[in-house]
Amino acid sequence: MTTRYAALLRGINVGGGRKVPMADLRALLTDLGHTDVRTHLQSGQAVFAAAHGDEESLAADLAHALEERFGFPVDVIVRDHAYLRSVVEDCPFPAATLEARQLHVTYYSGPVDAGRYAAIDRAAHLPEEFRLGDRALYLYAPDGLGRSRLADVLARPRVTKGLIATSRNWNTVVKLTELTAP
């Protein structure tokens, strides 16, 4: 029996640097023994089926293979369909009434320490808001991520220390859930 996963690559194909062609990513995942490999967009999402392995070891194997192939490190988070579905179902914001550019999810490689966020003055960033989830953070940014002051605060190293973090807009969050469905 196989499980369907999404691999989220951080910081590739942005601004002309750290290029990872999606055809090469698909080939790399296939070479690692995964099946039913597909990519979504050019910004570092792939879905695949694996017969064995946990999310952390699958991510480590892919990160190692990417560095070997391209010569630079790539942070990778791997999540299964059940987790991705729970992120969509547990969204604390009214996703159906928002534009996709207004809602983002940051996926973390491990559990989030809520205490790291306690010092953030939430009122100073209104109408932007964030909520923590299971290894995820939901950000409502009504003017989009590019204009979000809160996103900059949330990405500071003292907040994300020791964790890989990578963000996706709501359309991508939903699409990855659909693509990993059995």
N, C-alpha and C. Protein backbone atom coordinates (compact mmCIF):
# COMPACT_ATOMS: atom_id res chain seq x y z
N MET A 1 0.84 -1.18 0.00
CA MET A 1 0.00 0.00 0.00
C MET A 1 0.88 1.24 0.00
N THR A 2 0.48 2.23 -0.75
CA THR A 2 1.25 3.47 -0.81
C THR A 2 0.48 4.62 -0.16
N THR A 3 1.23 5.60 0.25
CA THR A 3 0.67 6.82 0.82
C THR A 3 1.05 7.96 -0.10
N ARG A 4 0.13 8.91 -0.28
CA ARG A 4 0.38 10.07 -1.14
C ARG A 4 0.89 11.22 -0.28
N TYR A 5 1.90 11.88 -0.80
CA TYR A 5 2.58 12.96 -0.09
C TYR A 5 2.72 14.19 -0.99
N ALA A 6 2.92 15.33 -0.35
CA ALA A 6 3.35 16.54 -1.04
C ALA A 6 4.71 16.92 -0.49
N ALA A 7 5.62 17.27 -1.39
CA ALA A 7 6.92 17.80 -1.00
C ALA A 7 6.89 19.30 -1.27
N LEU A 8 7.23 20.07 -0.25
CA LEU A 8 7.26 21.53 -0.34
C LEU A 8 8.71 21.98 -0.25
N LEU A 9 9.22 22.52 -1.34
CA LEU A 9 10.60 22.98 -1.39
C LEU A 9 10.64 24.47 -1.10
N ARG A 10 11.57 24.87 -0.26
CA ARG A 10 11.65 26.26 0.17
C ARG A 10 12.68 27.02 -0.66
N GLY A 11 12.27 28.18 -1.17
CA GLY A 11 13.19 29.14 -1.74
C GLY A 11 13.82 28.77 -3.08
N ILE A 12 13.12 28.01 -3.90
CA ILE A 12 13.66 27.70 -5.23
C ILE A 12 12.91 28.48 -6.30
N ASN A 13 13.56 28.66 -7.44
CA ASN A 13 12.96 29.31 -8.62
C ASN A 13 12.37 30.68 -8.30
N VAL A 14 13.03 31.40 -7.40
CA VAL A 14 12.58 32.74 -7.02
C VAL A 14 13.67 33.73 -7.40
N GLY A 15 13.31 34.75 -8.15
CA GLY A 15 14.26 35.80 -8.48
C GLY A 15 15.44 35.37 -9.33
N GLY A 16 15.30 34.33 -10.10
CA GLY A 16 16.35 33.92 -11.01
C GLY A 16 17.43 33.04 -10.42
N GLY A 17 17.38 32.78 -9.13
CA GLY A 17 18.40 31.95 -8.50
C GLY A 17 17.85 30.63 -8.03
N ARG A 18 18.75 29.75 -7.64
CA ARG A 18 18.39 28.44 -7.07
C ARG A 18 17.36 27.73 -7.95
N LYS A 19 17.72 27.56 -9.21
CA LYS A 19 16.81 26.96 -10.20
C LYS A 19 16.73 25.45 -10.02
N VAL A 20 15.51 24.96 -9.93
CA VAL A 20 15.22 23.53 -9.94
C VAL A 20 14.10 23.32 -10.95
N PRO A 21 14.44 22.89 -12.17
CA PRO A 21 13.40 22.62 -13.15
C PRO A 21 12.45 21.52 -12.67
N MET A 22 11.18 21.71 -12.91
CA MET A 22 10.19 20.75 -12.42
C MET A 22 10.37 19.37 -13.05
N ALA A 23 10.80 19.30 -14.30
CA ALA A 23 11.06 18.00 -14.93
C ALA A 23 12.17 17.26 -14.18
N ASP A 24 13.20 18.00 -13.75
CA ASP A 24 14.28 17.40 -12.98
C ASP A 24 13.80 16.95 -11.60
N LEU A 25 12.93 17.73 -10.99
CA LEU A 25 12.37 17.34 -9.69
C LEU A 25 11.56 16.06 -9.82
N ARG A 26 10.75 15.96 -10.87
CA ARG A 26 9.97 14.74 -11.09
C ARG A 26 10.89 13.54 -11.30
N ALA A 27 11.93 13.72 -12.09
CA ALA A 27 12.88 12.63 -12.35
C ALA A 27 13.60 12.22 -11.06
N LEU A 28 13.97 13.19 -10.25
CA LEU A 28 14.65 12.91 -8.99
C LEU A 28 13.77 12.10 -8.06
N LEU A 29 12.51 12.48 -7.93
CA LEU A 29 11.57 11.74 -7.08
C LEU A 29 11.36 10.32 -7.61
N THR A 30 11.30 10.18 -8.91
CA THR A 30 11.16 8.85 -9.51
C THR A 30 12.41 8.02 -9.24
N ASP A 31 13.58 8.62 -9.36
CA ASP A 31 14.84 7.92 -9.08
C ASP A 31 14.92 7.48 -7.62
N LEU A 32 14.25 8.20 -6.73
CA LEU A 32 14.22 7.82 -5.31
C LEU A 32 13.24 6.68 -5.05
N GLY A 33 12.55 6.22 -6.10
CA GLY A 33 11.65 5.08 -5.97
C GLY A 33 10.20 5.43 -5.78
N HIS A 34 9.86 6.71 -5.89
CA HIS A 34 8.48 7.13 -5.71
C HIS A 34 7.71 6.99 -7.02
N THR A 35 6.40 6.86 -6.89
CA THR A 35 5.55 6.67 -8.07
C THR A 35 4.51 7.77 -8.15
N ASP A 36 3.81 7.81 -9.27
CA ASP A 36 2.73 8.77 -9.50
C ASP A 36 3.19 10.20 -9.17
N VAL A 37 4.36 10.55 -9.68
CA VAL A 37 4.99 11.84 -9.38
C VAL A 37 4.43 12.92 -10.29
N ARG A 38 4.06 14.04 -9.68
CA ARG A 38 3.58 15.22 -10.40
C ARG A 38 4.14 16.45 -9.71
N THR A 39 4.25 17.53 -10.47
CA THR A 39 4.62 18.81 -9.86
C THR A 39 3.47 19.78 -10.06
N HIS A 40 3.46 20.80 -9.20
CA HIS A 40 2.42 21.83 -9.28
C HIS A 40 3.11 23.18 -9.29
N LEU A 41 2.87 23.95 -10.34
CA LEU A 41 3.49 25.26 -10.54
C LEU A 41 5.01 25.11 -10.63
N GLN A 42 5.71 26.22 -10.62
CA GLN A 42 7.18 26.20 -10.72
C GLN A 42 7.85 26.56 -9.41
N SER A 43 7.05 26.73 -8.35
CA SER A 43 7.59 27.27 -7.11
C SER A 43 7.91 26.23 -6.05
N GLY A 44 8.02 24.96 -6.46
CA GLY A 44 8.54 23.97 -5.52
C GLY A 44 7.51 23.12 -4.83
N GLN A 45 6.56 22.60 -5.57
CA GLN A 45 5.62 21.64 -5.01
C GLN A 45 5.63 20.40 -5.88
N ALA A 46 5.69 19.24 -5.25
CA ALA A 46 5.58 17.97 -5.96
C ALA A 46 4.71 17.05 -5.14
N VAL A 47 3.97 16.20 -5.81
CA VAL A 47 3.20 15.16 -5.12
C VAL A 47 3.68 13.82 -5.64
N PHE A 48 3.63 12.82 -4.76
CA PHE A 48 4.12 11.50 -5.12
C PHE A 48 3.53 10.46 -4.19
N ALA A 49 3.66 9.20 -4.59
CA ALA A 49 3.25 8.08 -3.75
C ALA A 49 4.50 7.34 -3.31
N ALA A 50 4.50 6.93 -2.04
CA ALA A 50 5.63 6.18 -1.49
C ALA A 50 5.09 4.98 -0.73
N ALA A 51 5.77 3.86 -0.88
CA ALA A 51 5.34 2.62 -0.23
C ALA A 51 5.74 2.59 1.24
N HIS A 52 6.78 3.30 1.58
CA HIS A 52 7.24 3.28 2.97
C HIS A 52 7.97 4.58 3.27
N GLY A 53 8.20 4.81 4.54
CA GLY A 53 8.92 6.00 4.95
C GLY A 53 8.04 6.96 5.72
N ASP A 54 8.67 7.70 6.59
CA ASP A 54 7.95 8.73 7.32
C ASP A 54 8.26 10.08 6.69
N GLU A 55 7.48 11.09 7.04
CA GLU A 55 7.63 12.40 6.42
C GLU A 55 9.04 12.97 6.56
N GLU A 56 9.62 12.82 7.75
CA GLU A 56 10.94 13.39 7.99
C GLU A 56 12.01 12.71 7.15
N SER A 57 11.98 11.37 7.06
CA SER A 57 13.00 10.68 6.28
C SER A 57 12.81 10.92 4.78
N LEU A 58 11.56 11.00 4.33
CA LEU A 58 11.30 11.32 2.92
C LEU A 58 11.83 12.71 2.59
N ALA A 59 11.62 13.67 3.49
CA ALA A 59 12.12 15.04 3.27
C ALA A 59 13.65 15.06 3.26
N ALA A 60 14.27 14.35 4.21
CA ALA A 60 15.73 14.32 4.28
C ALA A 60 16.33 13.68 3.03
N ASP A 61 15.74 12.59 2.57
CA ASP A 61 16.23 11.92 1.36
C ASP A 61 16.14 12.84 0.14
N LEU A 62 15.02 13.54 0.01
CA LEU A 62 14.84 14.43 -1.13
C LEU A 62 15.80 15.62 -1.03
N ALA A 63 15.95 16.19 0.16
CA ALA A 63 16.86 17.33 0.34
C ALA A 63 18.29 16.92 -0.03
N HIS A 64 18.71 15.74 0.40
CA HIS A 64 20.05 15.25 0.08
C HIS A 64 20.21 15.08 -1.43
N ALA A 65 19.23 14.47 -2.07
CA ALA A 65 19.28 14.25 -3.52
C ALA A 65 19.31 15.57 -4.29
N LEU A 66 18.54 16.55 -3.83
CA LEU A 66 18.52 17.86 -4.48
C LEU A 66 19.89 18.54 -4.38
N GLU A 67 20.50 18.48 -3.20
CA GLU A 67 21.82 19.11 -3.03
C GLU A 67 22.87 18.40 -3.89
N GLU A 68 22.80 17.08 -3.94
CA GLU A 68 23.73 16.33 -4.79
C GLU A 68 23.56 16.72 -6.26
N ARG A 69 22.34 16.85 -6.70
CA ARG A 69 22.04 17.11 -8.12
C ARG A 69 22.32 18.56 -8.53
N PHE A 70 21.94 19.52 -7.66
CA PHE A 70 22.00 20.93 -8.05
C PHE A 70 23.13 21.71 -7.39
N GLY A 71 23.76 21.15 -6.37
CA GLY A 71 24.91 21.80 -5.77
C GLY A 71 24.60 22.87 -4.75
N PHE A 72 23.37 22.96 -4.31
CA PHE A 72 23.01 23.90 -3.25
C PHE A 72 21.96 23.24 -2.36
N PRO A 73 21.96 23.62 -1.07
CA PRO A 73 20.98 23.01 -0.16
C PRO A 73 19.57 23.53 -0.43
N VAL A 74 18.60 22.64 -0.30
CA VAL A 74 17.19 23.00 -0.44
C VAL A 74 16.45 22.43 0.77
N ASP A 75 15.80 23.29 1.52
CA ASP A 75 14.97 22.82 2.63
C ASP A 75 13.70 22.21 2.07
N VAL A 76 13.31 21.06 2.63
CA VAL A 76 12.15 20.33 2.14
C VAL A 76 11.27 19.94 3.32
N ILE A 77 9.97 20.11 3.15
CA ILE A 77 8.97 19.60 4.09
C ILE A 77 8.09 18.64 3.31
N VAL A 78 7.84 17.47 3.87
CA VAL A 78 6.95 16.48 3.24
C VAL A 78 5.78 16.25 4.18
N ARG A 79 4.58 16.28 3.62
CA ARG A 79 3.35 16.05 4.40
C ARG A 79 2.42 15.12 3.63
N ASP A 80 1.72 14.26 4.38
CA ASP A 80 0.80 13.33 3.73
C ASP A 80 -0.58 13.96 3.54
N HIS A 81 -1.41 13.26 2.78
CA HIS A 81 -2.74 13.80 2.45
C HIS A 81 -3.57 14.08 3.70
N ALA A 82 -3.54 13.19 4.67
CA ALA A 82 -4.36 13.38 5.88
C ALA A 82 -3.99 14.70 6.57
N TYR A 83 -2.71 14.97 6.67
CA TYR A 83 -2.28 16.22 7.29
C TYR A 83 -2.73 17.43 6.46
N LEU A 84 -2.50 17.37 5.15
CA LEU A 84 -2.88 18.49 4.28
C LEU A 84 -4.38 18.75 4.36
N ARG A 85 -5.17 17.69 4.39
CA ARG A 85 -6.62 17.84 4.51
C ARG A 85 -6.98 18.51 5.83
N SER A 86 -6.30 18.12 6.91
CA SER A 86 -6.59 18.72 8.22
C SER A 86 -6.25 20.21 8.24
N VAL A 87 -5.21 20.61 7.52
CA VAL A 87 -4.86 22.04 7.45
C VAL A 87 -6.01 22.82 6.81
N VAL A 88 -6.58 22.28 5.75
CA VAL A 88 -7.71 22.94 5.08
C VAL A 88 -8.93 22.96 6.00
N GLU A 89 -9.24 21.82 6.59
CA GLU A 89 -10.44 21.71 7.43
C GLU A 89 -10.34 22.55 8.70
N ASP A 90 -9.14 22.74 9.22
CA ASP A 90 -8.95 23.46 10.48
C ASP A 90 -8.69 24.95 10.31
N CYS A 91 -8.80 25.46 9.10
CA CYS A 91 -8.53 26.87 8.85
C CYS A 91 -9.42 27.74 9.75
N PRO A 92 -8.81 28.63 10.54
CA PRO A 92 -9.60 29.46 11.46
C PRO A 92 -10.23 30.69 10.80
N PHE A 93 -9.91 30.92 9.54
CA PHE A 93 -10.45 32.06 8.82
C PHE A 93 -11.49 31.59 7.82
N PRO A 94 -12.42 32.46 7.44
CA PRO A 94 -13.48 32.07 6.49
C PRO A 94 -12.94 32.00 5.06
N ALA A 95 -12.20 30.94 4.77
CA ALA A 95 -11.49 30.80 3.49
C ALA A 95 -12.42 30.97 2.29
N ALA A 96 -13.62 30.49 2.39
CA ALA A 96 -14.55 30.55 1.25
C ALA A 96 -14.92 31.98 0.88
N THR A 97 -14.79 32.91 1.82
CA THR A 97 -15.17 34.29 1.55
C THR A 97 -13.98 35.19 1.24
N LEU A 98 -12.77 34.64 1.25
CA LEU A 98 -11.57 35.43 1.03
C LEU A 98 -10.96 35.14 -0.33
N GLU A 99 -10.22 36.12 -0.85
CA GLU A 99 -9.44 35.89 -2.05
C GLU A 99 -8.20 35.07 -1.66
N ALA A 100 -7.75 34.22 -2.57
CA ALA A 100 -6.61 33.35 -2.28
C ALA A 100 -5.37 34.14 -1.89
N ARG A 101 -5.20 35.33 -2.46
CA ARG A 101 -4.02 36.14 -2.15
C ARG A 101 -4.05 36.67 -0.71
N GLN A 102 -5.20 36.60 -0.06
CA GLN A 102 -5.34 37.13 1.30
C GLN A 102 -5.02 36.10 2.38
N LEU A 103 -5.00 34.83 2.02
CA LEU A 103 -4.85 33.78 3.01
C LEU A 103 -3.66 32.90 2.65
N HIS A 104 -2.78 32.71 3.61
CA HIS A 104 -1.56 31.93 3.41
C HIS A 104 -1.37 30.97 4.56
N VAL A 105 -0.70 29.88 4.26
CA VAL A 105 -0.33 28.91 5.30
C VAL A 105 1.18 28.75 5.25
N THR A 106 1.80 28.88 6.41
CA THR A 106 3.21 28.56 6.55
C THR A 106 3.29 27.19 7.19
N TYR A 107 3.95 26.28 6.49
CA TYR A 107 4.16 24.93 7.01
C TYR A 107 5.50 24.91 7.73
N TYR A 108 5.54 24.25 8.88
CA TYR A 108 6.77 24.12 9.66
C TYR A 108 7.21 22.66 9.68
N SER A 109 8.52 22.47 9.82
CA SER A 109 9.06 21.12 9.84
C SER A 109 8.77 20.38 11.14
N GLY A 110 8.37 21.09 12.17
CA GLY A 110 8.10 20.47 13.46
C GLY A 110 7.09 21.28 14.24
N PRO A 111 6.86 20.87 15.48
CA PRO A 111 5.90 21.59 16.32
C PRO A 111 6.31 23.04 16.54
N VAL A 112 5.31 23.89 16.61
CA VAL A 112 5.53 25.32 16.77
C VAL A 112 5.40 25.67 18.25
N ASP A 113 6.38 26.41 18.77
CA ASP A 113 6.34 26.88 20.15
C ASP A 113 5.53 28.18 20.18
N ALA A 114 4.31 28.11 20.68
CA ALA A 114 3.42 29.27 20.70
C ALA A 114 4.03 30.44 21.47
N GLY A 115 4.90 30.16 22.43
CA GLY A 115 5.55 31.21 23.20
C GLY A 115 6.39 32.15 22.36
N ARG A 116 6.91 31.66 21.25
CA ARG A 116 7.71 32.51 20.37
C ARG A 116 6.88 33.63 19.73
N TYR A 117 5.59 33.45 19.71
CA TYR A 117 4.69 34.42 19.07
C TYR A 117 4.03 35.36 20.09
N ALA A 118 4.24 35.09 21.37
CA ALA A 118 3.55 35.84 22.42
C ALA A 118 3.92 37.33 22.42
N ALA A 119 5.13 37.66 22.06
CA ALA A 119 5.58 39.06 22.11
C ALA A 119 5.12 39.89 20.91
N ILE A 120 4.52 39.26 19.93
CA ILE A 120 4.08 40.01 18.75
C ILE A 120 2.84 40.82 19.11
N ASP A 121 2.91 42.11 18.85
CA ASP A 121 1.78 43.01 19.12
C ASP A 121 0.76 42.85 18.00
N ARG A 122 -0.21 42.00 18.24
CA ARG A 122 -1.20 41.69 17.20
C ARG A 122 -2.02 42.93 16.81
N ALA A 123 -2.35 43.77 17.78
CA ALA A 123 -3.16 44.95 17.50
C ALA A 123 -2.44 45.93 16.57
N ALA A 124 -1.13 45.97 16.65
CA ALA A 124 -0.35 46.89 15.81
C ALA A 124 -0.37 46.48 14.34
N HIS A 125 -0.79 45.26 14.05
CA HIS A 125 -0.77 44.76 12.67
C HIS A 125 -2.16 44.58 12.07
N LEU A 126 -3.18 44.96 12.82
CA LEU A 126 -4.54 44.82 12.28
C LEU A 126 -4.69 45.64 11.01
N PRO A 127 -5.43 45.21 10.03
CA PRO A 127 -6.37 44.09 10.06
C PRO A 127 -5.74 42.72 9.78
N GLU A 128 -4.41 42.67 9.65
CA GLU A 128 -3.76 41.38 9.46
C GLU A 128 -3.86 40.56 10.74
N GLU A 129 -3.98 39.26 10.57
CA GLU A 129 -4.09 38.36 11.73
C GLU A 129 -3.38 37.06 11.43
N PHE A 130 -2.99 36.36 12.49
CA PHE A 130 -2.45 35.01 12.31
C PHE A 130 -2.98 34.10 13.41
N ARG A 131 -3.00 32.82 13.10
CA ARG A 131 -3.39 31.79 14.06
C ARG A 131 -2.46 30.60 13.86
N LEU A 132 -2.10 29.98 14.96
CA LEU A 132 -1.27 28.78 14.89
C LEU A 132 -2.13 27.54 14.74
N GLY A 133 -1.61 26.58 14.01
CA GLY A 133 -2.25 25.28 13.85
C GLY A 133 -1.23 24.19 14.14
N ASP A 134 -1.51 22.99 13.71
CA ASP A 134 -0.62 21.85 13.88
C ASP A 134 0.52 21.95 12.87
N ARG A 135 1.70 22.34 13.33
CA ARG A 135 2.88 22.52 12.48
C ARG A 135 2.59 23.47 11.32
N ALA A 136 1.72 24.44 11.59
CA ALA A 136 1.33 25.39 10.55
C ALA A 136 0.93 26.71 11.19
N LEU A 137 1.00 27.75 10.38
CA LEU A 137 0.53 29.07 10.77
C LEU A 137 -0.34 29.60 9.64
N TYR A 138 -1.50 30.09 10.01
CA TYR A 138 -2.43 30.69 9.05
C TYR A 138 -2.28 32.20 9.14
N LEU A 139 -2.09 32.85 8.00
CA LEU A 139 -1.95 34.30 7.96
C LEU A 139 -3.02 34.89 7.07
N TYR A 140 -3.80 35.80 7.64
CA TYR A 140 -4.76 36.58 6.88
C TYR A 140 -4.11 37.93 6.62
N ALA A 141 -3.85 38.23 5.36
CA ALA A 141 -3.23 39.49 4.95
C ALA A 141 -4.10 40.10 3.86
N PRO A 142 -5.04 40.99 4.22
CA PRO A 142 -6.02 41.48 3.25
C PRO A 142 -5.42 42.18 2.03
N ASP A 143 -4.21 42.75 2.16
CA ASP A 143 -3.58 43.41 1.03
C ASP A 143 -2.56 42.52 0.31
N GLY A 144 -2.54 41.24 0.67
CA GLY A 144 -1.62 40.30 0.04
C GLY A 144 -0.32 40.16 0.82
N LEU A 145 0.37 39.08 0.56
CA LEU A 145 1.60 38.78 1.29
C LEU A 145 2.70 39.80 1.00
N GLY A 146 2.78 40.28 -0.22
CA GLY A 146 3.82 41.23 -0.59
C GLY A 146 3.76 42.54 0.16
N ARG A 147 2.61 42.91 0.65
CA ARG A 147 2.44 44.16 1.40
C ARG A 147 2.28 43.93 2.90
N SER A 148 2.43 42.71 3.32
CA SER A 148 2.19 42.36 4.72
C SER A 148 3.38 42.71 5.61
N ARG A 149 3.14 43.54 6.60
CA ARG A 149 4.16 43.83 7.61
C ARG A 149 4.23 42.69 8.61
N LEU A 150 3.10 42.08 8.88
CA LEU A 150 3.05 40.98 9.83
C LEU A 150 3.84 39.77 9.32
N ALA A 151 3.79 39.50 8.03
CA ALA A 151 4.54 38.37 7.47
C ALA A 151 6.03 38.53 7.74
N ASP A 152 6.54 39.76 7.65
CA ASP A 152 7.95 40.00 7.94
C ASP A 152 8.28 39.68 9.39
N VAL A 153 7.41 40.07 10.30
CA VAL A 153 7.62 39.79 11.72
C VAL A 153 7.58 38.29 11.98
N LEU A 154 6.63 37.60 11.37
CA LEU A 154 6.48 36.16 11.59
C LEU A 154 7.65 35.36 11.04
N ALA A 155 8.36 35.90 10.07
CA ALA A 155 9.48 35.18 9.45
C ALA A 155 10.82 35.43 10.14
N ARG A 156 10.84 36.23 11.17
CA ARG A 156 12.11 36.54 11.84
C ARG A 156 12.72 35.27 12.45
N PRO A 157 14.05 35.18 12.42
CA PRO A 157 14.71 33.97 12.91
C PRO A 157 14.37 33.60 14.35
N ARG A 158 14.14 34.56 15.22
CA ARG A 158 13.82 34.21 16.61
C ARG A 158 12.47 33.50 16.71
N VAL A 159 11.62 33.74 15.74
CA VAL A 159 10.31 33.10 15.73
C VAL A 159 10.39 31.70 15.12
N THR A 160 11.15 31.56 14.06
CA THR A 160 11.21 30.28 13.34
C THR A 160 12.45 29.46 13.69
N LYS A 161 13.22 29.88 14.67
CA LYS A 161 14.49 29.24 15.04
C LYS A 161 14.36 27.72 15.13
N GLY A 162 15.25 27.05 14.41
CA GLY A 162 15.30 25.59 14.48
C GLY A 162 14.29 24.87 13.61
N LEU A 163 13.47 25.62 12.90
CA LEU A 163 12.44 25.00 12.06
C LEU A 163 12.61 25.41 10.60
N ILE A 164 12.30 24.50 9.71
CA ILE A 164 12.14 24.87 8.31
C ILE A 164 10.73 25.43 8.20
N ALA A 165 10.59 26.53 7.49
CA ALA A 165 9.28 27.15 7.29
C ALA A 165 9.14 27.53 5.82
N THR A 166 8.00 27.21 5.24
CA THR A 166 7.73 27.58 3.86
C THR A 166 6.25 27.87 3.70
N SER A 167 5.94 28.94 2.99
CA SER A 167 4.55 29.41 2.89
C SER A 167 3.96 29.17 1.51
N ARG A 168 2.63 28.98 1.51
CA ARG A 168 1.88 28.79 0.27
C ARG A 168 0.58 29.57 0.37
N ASN A 169 0.10 30.09 -0.78
CA ASN A 169 -1.19 30.77 -0.75
C ASN A 169 -2.31 29.73 -0.68
N TRP A 170 -3.51 30.20 -0.40
CA TRP A 170 -4.63 29.29 -0.15
C TRP A 170 -4.95 28.41 -1.37
N ASN A 171 -4.85 28.96 -2.57
CA ASN A 171 -5.11 28.14 -3.76
C ASN A 171 -4.17 26.94 -3.81
N THR A 172 -2.90 27.16 -3.52
CA THR A 172 -1.92 26.07 -3.54
C THR A 172 -2.19 25.09 -2.41
N VAL A 173 -2.54 25.58 -1.24
CA VAL A 173 -2.88 24.71 -0.11
C VAL A 173 -4.00 23.75 -0.50
N VAL A 174 -5.04 24.29 -1.08
CA VAL A 174 -6.20 23.46 -1.48
C VAL A 174 -5.81 22.51 -2.61
N LYS A 175 -5.07 23.00 -3.59
CA LYS A 175 -4.69 22.16 -4.73
C LYS A 175 -3.82 20.99 -4.30
N LEU A 176 -2.88 21.20 -3.40
CA LEU A 176 -2.04 20.10 -2.93
C LEU A 176 -2.86 19.06 -2.19
N THR A 177 -3.87 19.51 -1.47
CA THR A 177 -4.77 18.57 -0.79
C THR A 177 -5.51 17.73 -1.82
N GLU A 178 -5.98 18.36 -2.87
CA GLU A 178 -6.67 17.63 -3.94
C GLU A 178 -5.73 16.65 -4.65
N LEU A 179 -4.52 17.10 -4.96
CA LEU A 179 -3.58 16.27 -5.72
C LEU A 179 -3.07 15.06 -4.93
N THR A 180 -3.10 15.14 -3.61
CA THR A 180 -2.64 14.01 -2.79
C THR A 180 -3.77 13.09 -2.38
N ALA A 181 -4.99 13.42 -2.75
CA ALA A 181 -6.13 12.57 -2.37
C ALA A 181 -5.98 11.18 -2.99
N PRO A 182 -6.37 10.16 -2.22
CA PRO A 182 -6.27 8.79 -2.75
C PRO A 182 -7.19 8.58 -3.95
